[in-house]
PDB file of all heavy atoms in Angstrom:
ATOM      1  N   SER A   1     191.749 146.206 358.843  1.00  0.00           N
ATOM      2  CA  SER A   1     192.584 145.071 358.577  1.00  0.00           C
ATOM      3  C   SER A   1     191.901 144.337 357.500  1.00  0.00           C
ATOM      4  O   SER A   1     190.723 143.841 357.671  1.00  0.00           O
ATOM      5  CB  SER A   1     192.674 144.222 359.854  1.00  0.00           C
ATOM      6  OG  SER A   1     193.390 143.021 359.555  1.00  0.00           O
ATOM      7  N   VAL A   2     192.566 144.124 356.379  1.00  0.00           N
ATOM      8  CA  VAL A   2     191.912 143.491 355.223  1.00  0.00           C
ATOM      9  C   VAL A   2     192.075 141.973 355.226  1.00  0.00           C
ATOM     10  O   VAL A   2     191.586 141.237 354.456  1.00  0.00           O
ATOM     11  CB  VAL A   2     192.399 144.143 353.895  1.00  0.00           C
ATOM     12  CG1 VAL A   2     191.981 145.539 353.737  1.00  0.00           C
ATOM     13  CG2 VAL A   2     193.896 143.950 353.750  1.00  0.00           C
ATOM     14  N   TRP A   3     193.026 141.550 356.162  1.00  0.00           N
ATOM     15  CA  TRP A   3     193.230 140.034 356.174  1.00  0.00           C
ATOM     16  C   TRP A   3     192.189 139.437 357.041  1.00  0.00           C
ATOM     17  O   TRP A   3     191.764 139.946 358.084  1.00  0.00           O
ATOM     18  CB  TRP A   3     194.586 139.806 356.800  1.00  0.00           C
ATOM     19  CG  TRP A   3     195.778 139.982 355.896  1.00  0.00           C
ATOM     20  CD1 TRP A   3     195.729 140.576 354.639  1.00  0.00           C
ATOM     21  CD2 TRP A   3     197.117 139.629 356.138  1.00  0.00           C
ATOM     22  NE1 TRP A   3     197.013 140.550 354.124  1.00  0.00           N
ATOM     23  CE2 TRP A   3     197.873 140.095 354.995  1.00  0.00           C
ATOM     24  CE3 TRP A   3     197.775 139.136 357.242  1.00  0.00           C
ATOM     25  CZ2 TRP A   3     199.256 139.853 354.973  1.00  0.00           C
ATOM     26  CZ3 TRP A   3     199.084 138.927 357.175  1.00  0.00           C
ATOM     27  CH2 TRP A   3     199.882 139.327 356.014  1.00  0.00           C
ATOM     28  N   GLY A   4     191.817 138.260 356.672  1.00  0.00           N
ATOM     29  CA  GLY A   4     190.900 137.416 357.453  1.00  0.00           C
ATOM     30  C   GLY A   4     191.792 136.618 358.498  1.00  0.00           C
ATOM     31  O   GLY A   4     192.963 136.660 358.497  1.00  0.00           O
ATOM     32  N   PRO A   5     191.064 135.879 359.357  1.00  0.00           N
ATOM     33  CA  PRO A   5     191.831 135.127 360.348  1.00  0.00           C
ATOM     34  C   PRO A   5     192.782 134.091 359.740  1.00  0.00           C
ATOM     35  O   PRO A   5     193.863 133.843 360.346  1.00  0.00           O
ATOM     36  CB  PRO A   5     190.752 134.485 361.169  1.00  0.00           C
ATOM     37  CG  PRO A   5     189.502 134.484 360.320  1.00  0.00           C
ATOM     38  CD  PRO A   5     189.594 135.698 359.442  1.00  0.00           C
ATOM     39  N   GLU A   6     192.416 133.542 358.584  1.00  0.00           N
ATOM     40  CA  GLU A   6     193.220 132.465 357.999  1.00  0.00           C
ATOM     41  C   GLU A   6     194.596 133.054 357.664  1.00  0.00           C
ATOM     42  O   GLU A   6     195.628 132.429 357.828  1.00  0.00           O
ATOM     43  CB  GLU A   6     192.589 131.884 356.812  1.00  0.00           C
ATOM     44  CG  GLU A   6     191.330 131.099 357.134  1.00  0.00           C
ATOM     45  CD  GLU A   6     190.099 131.919 357.286  1.00  0.00           C
ATOM     46  OE1 GLU A   6     190.060 133.165 356.949  1.00  0.00           O
ATOM     47  OE2 GLU A   6     189.075 131.405 357.817  1.00  0.00           O
ATOM     48  N   GLU A   7     194.576 134.326 357.048  1.00  0.00           N
ATOM     49  CA  GLU A   7     195.828 134.933 356.695  1.00  0.00           C
ATOM     50  C   GLU A   7     196.695 135.258 357.940  1.00  0.00           C
ATOM     51  O   GLU A   7     197.905 135.057 357.956  1.00  0.00           O
ATOM     52  CB  GLU A   7     195.647 136.163 355.892  1.00  0.00           C
ATOM     53  CG  GLU A   7     195.063 135.905 354.473  1.00  0.00           C
ATOM     54  CD  GLU A   7     193.546 135.900 354.459  1.00  0.00           C
ATOM     55  OE1 GLU A   7     192.901 135.936 355.446  1.00  0.00           O
ATOM     56  OE2 GLU A   7     193.056 135.884 353.267  1.00  0.00           O
ATOM     57  N   HIS A   8     196.055 135.780 358.968  1.00  0.00           N
ATOM     58  CA  HIS A   8     196.728 136.111 360.220  1.00  0.00           C
ATOM     59  C   HIS A   8     197.320 134.863 360.880  1.00  0.00           C
ATOM     60  O   HIS A   8     198.466 134.823 361.264  1.00  0.00           O
ATOM     61  CB  HIS A   8     195.807 136.841 361.207  1.00  0.00           C
ATOM     62  CG  HIS A   8     195.696 138.244 360.927  1.00  0.00           C
ATOM     63  ND1 HIS A   8     196.509 139.163 361.558  1.00  0.00           N
ATOM     64  CD2 HIS A   8     194.843 138.932 360.145  1.00  0.00           C
ATOM     65  CE1 HIS A   8     196.140 140.418 361.142  1.00  0.00           C
ATOM     66  NE2 HIS A   8     195.219 140.306 360.299  1.00  0.00           N
ATOM     67  N   LEU A   9     196.542 133.798 360.883  1.00  0.00           N
ATOM     68  CA  LEU A   9     197.028 132.528 361.438  1.00  0.00           C
ATOM     69  C   LEU A   9     198.202 131.967 360.603  1.00  0.00           C
ATOM     70  O   LEU A   9     199.138 131.471 361.173  1.00  0.00           O
ATOM     71  CB  LEU A   9     195.938 131.541 361.552  1.00  0.00           C
ATOM     72  CG  LEU A   9     194.829 131.935 362.601  1.00  0.00           C
ATOM     73  CD1 LEU A   9     193.602 131.030 362.438  1.00  0.00           C
ATOM     74  CD2 LEU A   9     195.327 131.954 364.016  1.00  0.00           C
ATOM     75  N   ALA A  10     198.067 132.061 359.313  1.00  0.00           N
ATOM     76  CA  ALA A  10     199.136 131.539 358.402  1.00  0.00           C
ATOM     77  C   ALA A  10     200.452 132.287 358.594  1.00  0.00           C
ATOM     78  O   ALA A  10     201.529 131.796 358.603  1.00  0.00           O
ATOM     79  CB  ALA A  10     198.692 131.575 356.930  1.00  0.00           C
ATOM     80  N   LEU A  11     200.297 133.614 358.761  1.00  0.00           N
ATOM     81  CA  LEU A  11     201.456 134.476 358.966  1.00  0.00           C
ATOM     82  C   LEU A  11     202.134 134.157 360.279  1.00  0.00           C
ATOM     83  O   LEU A  11     203.334 133.977 360.351  1.00  0.00           O
ATOM     84  CB  LEU A  11     201.104 135.934 358.863  1.00  0.00           C
ATOM     85  CG  LEU A  11     202.240 136.985 359.133  1.00  0.00           C
ATOM     86  CD1 LEU A  11     203.387 136.778 358.142  1.00  0.00           C
ATOM     87  CD2 LEU A  11     201.693 138.316 359.244  1.00  0.00           C
ATOM     88  N   ALA A  12     201.344 133.993 361.376  1.00  0.00           N
ATOM     89  CA  ALA A  12     201.908 133.683 362.620  1.00  0.00           C
ATOM     90  C   ALA A  12     202.614 132.336 362.587  1.00  0.00           C
ATOM     91  O   ALA A  12     203.741 132.112 363.101  1.00  0.00           O
ATOM     92  CB  ALA A  12     200.749 133.656 363.669  1.00  0.00           C
ATOM     93  N   ASP A  13     202.083 131.406 361.860  1.00  0.00           N
ATOM     94  CA  ASP A  13     202.686 130.069 361.730  1.00  0.00           C
ATOM     95  C   ASP A  13     203.998 130.170 360.974  1.00  0.00           C
ATOM     96  O   ASP A  13     205.020 129.590 361.349  1.00  0.00           O
ATOM     97  CB  ASP A  13     201.702 129.109 361.081  1.00  0.00           C
ATOM     98  CG  ASP A  13     202.184 127.717 361.114  1.00  0.00           C
ATOM     99  OD1 ASP A  13     202.599 127.189 362.163  1.00  0.00           O
ATOM    100  OD2 ASP A  13     202.195 127.013 360.027  1.00  0.00           O
ATOM    101  N   ALA A  14     203.975 130.894 359.852  1.00  0.00           N
ATOM    102  CA  ALA A  14     205.208 131.097 359.034  1.00  0.00           C
ATOM    103  C   ALA A  14     206.289 131.764 359.831  1.00  0.00           C
ATOM    104  O   ALA A  14     207.474 131.438 359.682  1.00  0.00           O
ATOM    105  CB  ALA A  14     204.814 131.853 357.768  1.00  0.00           C
ATOM    106  N   LEU A  15     205.945 132.773 360.620  1.00  0.00           N
ATOM    107  CA  LEU A  15     206.964 133.524 361.358  1.00  0.00           C
ATOM    108  C   LEU A  15     207.583 132.708 362.507  1.00  0.00           C
ATOM    109  O   LEU A  15     208.572 133.195 363.054  1.00  0.00           O
ATOM    110  CB  LEU A  15     206.365 134.857 361.886  1.00  0.00           C
ATOM    111  CG  LEU A  15     206.095 135.890 360.756  1.00  0.00           C
ATOM    112  CD1 LEU A  15     205.426 137.090 361.322  1.00  0.00           C
ATOM    113  CD2 LEU A  15     207.482 136.277 360.128  1.00  0.00           C
ATOM    114  N   ARG A  16     207.135 131.585 362.763  1.00  0.00           N
ATOM    115  CA  ARG A  16     207.800 130.700 363.734  1.00  0.00           C
ATOM    116  C   ARG A  16     209.052 130.134 363.247  1.00  0.00           C
ATOM    117  O   ARG A  16     209.957 129.761 363.938  1.00  0.00           O
ATOM    118  CB  ARG A  16     206.858 129.559 364.169  1.00  0.00           C
ATOM    119  CG  ARG A  16     205.700 130.015 365.075  1.00  0.00           C
ATOM    120  CD  ARG A  16     204.897 128.830 365.591  1.00  0.00           C
ATOM    121  NE  ARG A  16     203.756 129.351 366.293  1.00  0.00           N
ATOM    122  CZ  ARG A  16     202.559 129.627 365.748  1.00  0.00           C
ATOM    123  NH1 ARG A  16     202.397 129.335 364.458  1.00  0.00           N
ATOM    124  NH2 ARG A  16     201.567 130.087 366.445  1.00  0.00           N
ATOM    125  N   SER A  17     209.240 130.133 361.915  1.00  0.00           N
ATOM    126  CA  SER A  17     210.442 129.562 361.221  1.00  0.00           C
ATOM    127  C   SER A  17     211.554 130.596 361.304  1.00  0.00           C
ATOM    128  O   SER A  17     211.333 131.724 360.801  1.00  0.00           O
ATOM    129  CB  SER A  17     210.137 129.182 359.777  1.00  0.00           C
ATOM    130  OG  SER A  17     211.306 129.004 359.058  1.00  0.00           O
ATOM    131  N   PRO A  18     212.722 130.267 361.732  1.00  0.00           N
ATOM    132  CA  PRO A  18     213.840 131.194 361.745  1.00  0.00           C
ATOM    133  C   PRO A  18     214.204 131.595 360.368  1.00  0.00           C
ATOM    134  O   PRO A  18     214.643 132.703 360.154  1.00  0.00           O
ATOM    135  CB  PRO A  18     214.977 130.465 362.496  1.00  0.00           C
ATOM    136  CG  PRO A  18     214.531 129.090 362.575  1.00  0.00           C
ATOM    137  CD  PRO A  18     213.096 128.963 362.401  1.00  0.00           C
ATOM    138  N   HIS A  19     214.038 130.656 359.445  1.00  0.00           N
ATOM    139  CA  HIS A  19     214.382 131.014 357.996  1.00  0.00           C
ATOM    140  C   HIS A  19     213.402 132.055 357.449  1.00  0.00           C
ATOM    141  O   HIS A  19     213.872 133.017 356.772  1.00  0.00           O
ATOM    142  CB  HIS A  19     214.265 129.762 357.125  1.00  0.00           C
ATOM    143  CG  HIS A  19     215.141 128.581 357.542  1.00  0.00           C
ATOM    144  ND1 HIS A  19     216.514 128.665 357.511  1.00  0.00           N
ATOM    145  CD2 HIS A  19     214.899 127.442 358.151  1.00  0.00           C
ATOM    146  CE1 HIS A  19     217.054 127.599 357.982  1.00  0.00           C
ATOM    147  NE2 HIS A  19     216.090 126.830 358.370  1.00  0.00           N
ATOM    148  N   VAL A  20     212.147 131.993 357.743  1.00  0.00           N
ATOM    149  CA  VAL A  20     211.211 132.881 357.324  1.00  0.00           C
ATOM    150  C   VAL A  20     211.482 134.321 357.933  1.00  0.00           C
ATOM    151  O   VAL A  20     211.481 135.342 357.257  1.00  0.00           O
ATOM    152  CB  VAL A  20     209.713 132.459 357.593  1.00  0.00           C
ATOM    153  CG1 VAL A  20     208.754 133.610 357.310  1.00  0.00           C
ATOM    154  CG2 VAL A  20     209.398 131.240 356.733  1.00  0.00           C
ATOM    155  N   ARG A  21     211.791 134.302 359.243  1.00  0.00           N
ATOM    156  CA  ARG A  21     212.104 135.549 359.913  1.00  0.00           C
ATOM    157  C   ARG A  21     213.290 136.169 359.286  1.00  0.00           C
ATOM    158  O   ARG A  21     213.331 137.418 359.096  1.00  0.00           O
ATOM    159  CB  ARG A  21     212.251 135.336 361.416  1.00  0.00           C
ATOM    160  CG  ARG A  21     211.023 135.060 362.154  1.00  0.00           C
ATOM    161  CD  ARG A  21     211.169 135.127 363.643  1.00  0.00           C
ATOM    162  NE  ARG A  21     212.234 134.318 364.178  1.00  0.00           N
ATOM    163  CZ  ARG A  21     212.121 133.062 364.578  1.00  0.00           C
ATOM    164  NH1 ARG A  21     210.929 132.461 364.448  1.00  0.00           N
ATOM    165  NH2 ARG A  21     213.127 132.412 365.075  1.00  0.00           N
ATOM    166  N   ARG A  22     214.307 135.465 359.043  1.00  0.00           N
ATOM    167  CA  ARG A  22     215.589 135.952 358.454  1.00  0.00           C
ATOM    168  C   ARG A  22     215.221 136.572 357.029  1.00  0.00           C
ATOM    169  O   ARG A  22     215.728 137.616 356.734  1.00  0.00           O
ATOM    170  CB  ARG A  22     216.632 134.872 358.318  1.00  0.00           C
ATOM    171  CG  ARG A  22     218.008 135.374 358.087  1.00  0.00           C
ATOM    172  CD  ARG A  22     219.094 134.300 358.270  1.00  0.00           C
ATOM    173  NE  ARG A  22     218.765 132.994 357.816  1.00  0.00           N
ATOM    174  CZ  ARG A  22     218.555 131.930 358.692  1.00  0.00           C
ATOM    175  NH1 ARG A  22     218.601 132.099 359.959  1.00  0.00           N
ATOM    176  NH2 ARG A  22     218.316 130.742 358.208  1.00  0.00           N
ATOM    177  N   LEU A  23     214.477 135.916 356.275  1.00  0.00           N
ATOM    178  CA  LEU A  23     214.115 136.398 354.909  1.00  0.00           C
ATOM    179  C   LEU A  23     213.257 137.748 355.065  1.00  0.00           C
ATOM    180  O   LEU A  23     213.459 138.594 354.248  1.00  0.00           O
ATOM    181  CB  LEU A  23     213.280 135.385 354.139  1.00  0.00           C
ATOM    182  CG  LEU A  23     214.081 134.228 353.537  1.00  0.00           C
ATOM    183  CD1 LEU A  23     213.150 133.187 352.925  1.00  0.00           C
ATOM    184  CD2 LEU A  23     214.965 134.785 352.456  1.00  0.00           C
ATOM    185  N   CYS A  24     212.379 137.765 356.043  1.00  0.00           N
ATOM    186  CA  CYS A  24     211.563 138.913 356.203  1.00  0.00           C
ATOM    187  C   CYS A  24     212.479 140.091 356.618  1.00  0.00           C
ATOM    188  O   CYS A  24     212.219 141.226 356.129  1.00  0.00           O
ATOM    189  CB  CYS A  24     210.515 138.670 357.317  1.00  0.00           C
ATOM    190  SG  CYS A  24     209.145 137.646 356.796  1.00  0.00           S
ATOM    191  N   MET A  25     213.456 139.874 357.491  1.00  0.00           N
ATOM    192  CA  MET A  25     214.345 140.949 357.853  1.00  0.00           C
ATOM    193  C   MET A  25     215.104 141.488 356.631  1.00  0.00           C
ATOM    194  O   MET A  25     215.260 142.745 356.483  1.00  0.00           O
ATOM    195  CB  MET A  25     215.274 140.482 358.969  1.00  0.00           C
ATOM    196  CG  MET A  25     214.595 140.110 360.242  1.00  0.00           C
ATOM    197  SD  MET A  25     213.801 141.428 361.009  1.00  0.00           S
ATOM    198  CE  MET A  25     215.195 142.422 361.508  1.00  0.00           C
ATOM    199  N   ARG A  26     215.561 140.603 355.764  1.00  0.00           N
ATOM    200  CA  ARG A  26     216.265 141.004 354.592  1.00  0.00           C
ATOM    201  C   ARG A  26     215.362 141.744 353.593  1.00  0.00           C
ATOM    202  O   ARG A  26     215.725 142.726 353.069  1.00  0.00           O
ATOM    203  CB  ARG A  26     216.880 139.753 353.915  1.00  0.00           C
ATOM    204  CG  ARG A  26     217.588 140.016 352.584  1.00  0.00           C
ATOM    205  CD  ARG A  26     218.895 140.860 352.862  1.00  0.00           C
ATOM    206  NE  ARG A  26     219.543 141.159 351.630  1.00  0.00           N
ATOM    207  CZ  ARG A  26     219.490 142.358 351.004  1.00  0.00           C
ATOM    208  NH1 ARG A  26     218.971 143.392 351.646  1.00  0.00           N
ATOM    209  NH2 ARG A  26     220.133 142.521 349.856  1.00  0.00           N
ATOM    210  N   LEU A  27     214.116 141.210 353.457  1.00  0.00           N
ATOM    211  CA  LEU A  27     213.162 141.903 352.550  1.00  0.00           C
ATOM    212  C   LEU A  27     212.870 143.324 352.996  1.00  0.00           C
ATOM    213  O   LEU A  27     212.683 144.218 352.235  1.00  0.00           O
ATOM    214  CB  LEU A  27     211.900 141.080 352.449  1.00  0.00           C
ATOM    215  CG  LEU A  27     211.940 139.781 351.659  1.00  0.00           C
ATOM    216  CD1 LEU A  27     210.732 138.964 351.868  1.00  0.00           C
ATOM    217  CD2 LEU A  27     212.241 140.096 350.193  1.00  0.00           C
ATOM    218  N   GLY A  28     212.799 143.468 354.260  1.00  0.00           N
ATOM    219  CA  GLY A  28     212.570 144.802 354.900  1.00  0.00           C
ATOM    220  C   GLY A  28     213.630 145.872 354.634  1.00  0.00           C
ATOM    221  O   GLY A  28     213.369 147.058 354.693  1.00  0.00           O
ATOM    222  N   GLN A  29     214.824 145.387 354.147  1.00  0.00           N
ATOM    223  CA  GLN A  29     215.899 146.229 353.894  1.00  0.00           C
ATOM    224  C   GLN A  29     216.020 146.548 352.346  1.00  0.00           C
ATOM    225  O   GLN A  29     216.823 147.361 351.980  1.00  0.00           O
ATOM    226  CB  GLN A  29     217.204 145.658 354.426  1.00  0.00           C
ATOM    227  CG  GLN A  29     217.297 145.409 355.869  1.00  0.00           C
ATOM    228  CD  GLN A  29     218.422 144.576 356.315  1.00  0.00           C
ATOM    229  OE1 GLN A  29     219.142 143.966 355.466  1.00  0.00           O
ATOM    230  NE2 GLN A  29     218.590 144.468 357.605  1.00  0.00           N
ATOM    231  N   MET A  30     215.134 145.970 351.600  1.00  0.00           N
ATOM    232  CA  MET A  30     215.258 146.092 350.072  1.00  0.00           C
ATOM    233  C   MET A  30     214.509 147.329 349.615  1.00  0.00           C
ATOM    234  O   MET A  30     213.517 147.783 350.219  1.00  0.00           O
ATOM    235  CB  MET A  30     214.714 144.850 349.438  1.00  0.00           C
ATOM    236  CG  MET A  30     215.559 143.674 349.618  1.00  0.00           C
ATOM    237  SD  MET A  30     214.874 142.236 348.693  1.00  0.00           S
ATOM    238  CE  MET A  30     216.159 141.067 348.821  1.00  0.00           C
ATOM    239  N   SER A  31     214.983 147.806 348.467  1.00  0.00           N
ATOM    240  CA  SER A  31     214.312 148.930 347.856  1.00  0.00           C
ATOM    241  C   SER A  31     213.046 148.358 347.191  1.00  0.00           C
ATOM    242  O   SER A  31     212.828 147.179 346.969  1.00  0.00           O
ATOM    243  CB  SER A  31     215.196 149.519 346.766  1.00  0.00           C
ATOM    244  OG  SER A  31     215.424 148.625 345.710  1.00  0.00           O
TER     245      SER A  31
END
């Protein structure tokens, strides 16, 4: 795992937002 704890904590915090989760789902479908 190349991420440090700050990155993991920031990601966990960001993913609490429904807007971020929705964008992530859309990005996962892109080429």
